[in-house]
Amino acid sequence: MPKDPIMLLSYVNTQLRDHYSSLDDFCAAEGAVKSEIVQKLASVNYEYSDKENRFI
């Protein structure tokens, strides 16, 4: 998983769009910690939208 927040944003949003119905599903499948992803992307002013299933 990318360390750079912008690369992480692109990677996660692509995975959500193409393969997963929620951030929880993505984290479970990838073995990722949801709070770490949310925190890292919040540092570059993005937050997860349940409705859109992506970080905006």
N, C-alpha and C. Protein backbone atom coordinates (compact mmCIF):
# COMPACT_ATOMS: atom_id res chain seq x y z
N MET A 1 0.84 -1.16 0.00
CA MET A 1 0.00 0.00 0.00
C MET A 1 0.90 1.24 0.00
N PRO A 2 0.59 2.22 -0.83
CA PRO A 2 1.44 3.42 -0.92
C PRO A 2 1.55 4.18 0.39
N LYS A 3 2.71 4.71 0.66
CA LYS A 3 2.94 5.53 1.87
C LYS A 3 2.56 6.99 1.63
N ASP A 4 2.79 7.47 0.42
CA ASP A 4 2.46 8.86 0.09
C ASP A 4 0.94 9.04 0.12
N PRO A 5 0.43 10.07 0.82
CA PRO A 5 -1.02 10.24 0.94
C PRO A 5 -1.76 10.39 -0.39
N ILE A 6 -1.18 11.08 -1.35
CA ILE A 6 -1.86 11.27 -2.63
C ILE A 6 -1.88 9.96 -3.43
N MET A 7 -0.80 9.23 -3.39
CA MET A 7 -0.78 7.92 -4.05
C MET A 7 -1.74 6.96 -3.36
N LEU A 8 -1.81 7.04 -2.03
CA LEU A 8 -2.74 6.22 -1.27
C LEU A 8 -4.18 6.56 -1.65
N LEU A 9 -4.47 7.82 -1.78
CA LEU A 9 -5.81 8.26 -2.19
C LEU A 9 -6.20 7.64 -3.53
N SER A 10 -5.32 7.72 -4.48
CA SER A 10 -5.58 7.17 -5.81
C SER A 10 -5.78 5.65 -5.73
N TYR A 11 -4.91 4.98 -5.01
CA TYR A 11 -4.98 3.53 -4.89
C TYR A 11 -6.29 3.09 -4.23
N VAL A 12 -6.60 3.70 -3.08
CA VAL A 12 -7.79 3.29 -2.34
C VAL A 12 -9.06 3.59 -3.13
N ASN A 13 -9.16 4.78 -3.70
CA ASN A 13 -10.36 5.10 -4.47
C ASN A 13 -10.54 4.18 -5.68
N THR A 14 -9.46 3.83 -6.32
CA THR A 14 -9.54 2.90 -7.45
C THR A 14 -10.02 1.53 -6.98
N GLN A 15 -9.47 1.05 -5.88
CA GLN A 15 -9.89 -0.24 -5.34
C GLN A 15 -11.36 -0.22 -4.93
N LEU A 16 -11.78 0.86 -4.29
CA LEU A 16 -13.18 0.98 -3.89
C LEU A 16 -14.10 0.98 -5.10
N ARG A 17 -13.72 1.71 -6.11
CA ARG A 17 -14.54 1.80 -7.32
C ARG A 17 -14.64 0.45 -8.03
N ASP A 18 -13.52 -0.24 -8.13
CA ASP A 18 -13.46 -1.44 -8.97
C ASP A 18 -13.78 -2.75 -8.24
N HIS A 19 -13.59 -2.80 -6.91
CA HIS A 19 -13.65 -4.10 -6.25
C HIS A 19 -14.44 -4.19 -4.96
N TYR A 20 -14.67 -3.08 -4.27
CA TYR A 20 -15.24 -3.16 -2.92
C TYR A 20 -16.45 -2.24 -2.77
N SER A 21 -17.41 -2.70 -1.99
CA SER A 21 -18.63 -1.92 -1.78
C SER A 21 -18.54 -0.96 -0.60
N SER A 22 -17.45 -1.07 0.18
CA SER A 22 -17.26 -0.15 1.31
C SER A 22 -15.80 -0.13 1.73
N LEU A 23 -15.45 0.88 2.49
CA LEU A 23 -14.09 0.98 3.04
C LEU A 23 -13.83 -0.17 4.00
N ASP A 24 -14.84 -0.58 4.75
CA ASP A 24 -14.69 -1.72 5.67
C ASP A 24 -14.35 -2.99 4.90
N ASP A 25 -15.03 -3.23 3.79
CA ASP A 25 -14.75 -4.41 2.97
C ASP A 25 -13.32 -4.37 2.43
N PHE A 26 -12.90 -3.21 1.96
CA PHE A 26 -11.54 -3.04 1.45
C PHE A 26 -10.51 -3.36 2.55
N CYS A 27 -10.71 -2.77 3.72
CA CYS A 27 -9.75 -2.97 4.81
C CYS A 27 -9.68 -4.43 5.24
N ALA A 28 -10.83 -5.08 5.31
CA ALA A 28 -10.86 -6.50 5.70
C ALA A 28 -10.11 -7.35 4.68
N ALA A 29 -10.34 -7.11 3.42
CA ALA A 29 -9.71 -7.90 2.37
C ALA A 29 -8.21 -7.63 2.26
N GLU A 30 -7.81 -6.40 2.47
CA GLU A 30 -6.41 -6.01 2.30
C GLU A 30 -5.60 -6.10 3.59
N GLY A 31 -6.27 -6.35 4.72
CA GLY A 31 -5.58 -6.38 6.00
C GLY A 31 -5.10 -5.01 6.43
N ALA A 32 -5.83 -3.99 6.02
CA ALA A 32 -5.46 -2.61 6.32
C ALA A 32 -6.21 -2.12 7.56
N VAL A 33 -5.64 -1.13 8.23
CA VAL A 33 -6.26 -0.54 9.40
C VAL A 33 -7.02 0.71 8.94
N LYS A 34 -8.34 0.66 9.05
CA LYS A 34 -9.20 1.74 8.57
C LYS A 34 -8.81 3.09 9.16
N SER A 35 -8.59 3.13 10.46
CA SER A 35 -8.29 4.41 11.12
C SER A 35 -6.99 5.03 10.59
N GLU A 36 -6.02 4.20 10.22
CA GLU A 36 -4.76 4.72 9.68
C GLU A 36 -4.97 5.33 8.30
N ILE A 37 -5.78 4.67 7.47
CA ILE A 37 -6.07 5.21 6.14
C ILE A 37 -6.84 6.51 6.27
N VAL A 38 -7.88 6.51 7.10
CA VAL A 38 -8.69 7.71 7.29
C VAL A 38 -7.84 8.87 7.80
N GLN A 39 -6.97 8.60 8.77
CA GLN A 39 -6.11 9.64 9.34
C GLN A 39 -5.12 10.17 8.30
N LYS A 40 -4.49 9.29 7.55
CA LYS A 40 -3.51 9.71 6.56
C LYS A 40 -4.17 10.57 5.48
N LEU A 41 -5.36 10.18 5.03
CA LEU A 41 -6.02 10.94 3.98
C LEU A 41 -6.64 12.23 4.52
N ALA A 42 -6.99 12.23 5.79
CA ALA A 42 -7.46 13.47 6.42
C ALA A 42 -6.34 14.51 6.46
N SER A 43 -5.11 14.04 6.54
CA SER A 43 -3.96 14.96 6.58
C SER A 43 -3.81 15.75 5.29
N VAL A 44 -4.43 15.26 4.21
CA VAL A 44 -4.41 15.99 2.93
C VAL A 44 -5.84 16.41 2.54
N ASN A 45 -6.67 16.56 3.59
CA ASN A 45 -8.03 17.11 3.46
C ASN A 45 -9.01 16.26 2.66
N TYR A 46 -8.94 14.95 2.82
CA TYR A 46 -9.92 14.05 2.20
C TYR A 46 -10.61 13.27 3.29
N GLU A 47 -11.90 13.04 3.11
CA GLU A 47 -12.64 12.20 4.05
C GLU A 47 -13.49 11.20 3.28
N TYR A 48 -13.77 10.09 3.93
CA TYR A 48 -14.52 9.02 3.29
C TYR A 48 -16.00 9.36 3.26
N SER A 49 -16.61 9.16 2.11
CA SER A 49 -18.06 9.32 1.94
C SER A 49 -18.68 7.94 1.79
N ASP A 50 -19.49 7.53 2.78
CA ASP A 50 -20.20 6.25 2.67
C ASP A 50 -21.11 6.25 1.47
N LYS A 51 -21.77 7.36 1.26
CA LYS A 51 -22.74 7.46 0.16
C LYS A 51 -22.08 7.23 -1.21
N GLU A 52 -20.90 7.82 -1.40
CA GLU A 52 -20.21 7.71 -2.68
C GLU A 52 -19.17 6.59 -2.73
N ASN A 53 -18.90 5.99 -1.56
CA ASN A 53 -17.90 4.93 -1.44
C ASN A 53 -16.56 5.37 -2.04
N ARG A 54 -16.13 6.53 -1.61
CA ARG A 54 -14.82 7.04 -2.03
C ARG A 54 -14.40 8.18 -1.11
N PHE A 55 -13.12 8.51 -1.18
CA PHE A 55 -12.63 9.66 -0.43
C PHE A 55 -12.81 10.90 -1.29
N ILE A 56 -13.37 11.93 -0.69
CA ILE A 56 -13.61 13.18 -1.42
C ILE A 56 -13.06 14.36 -0.62
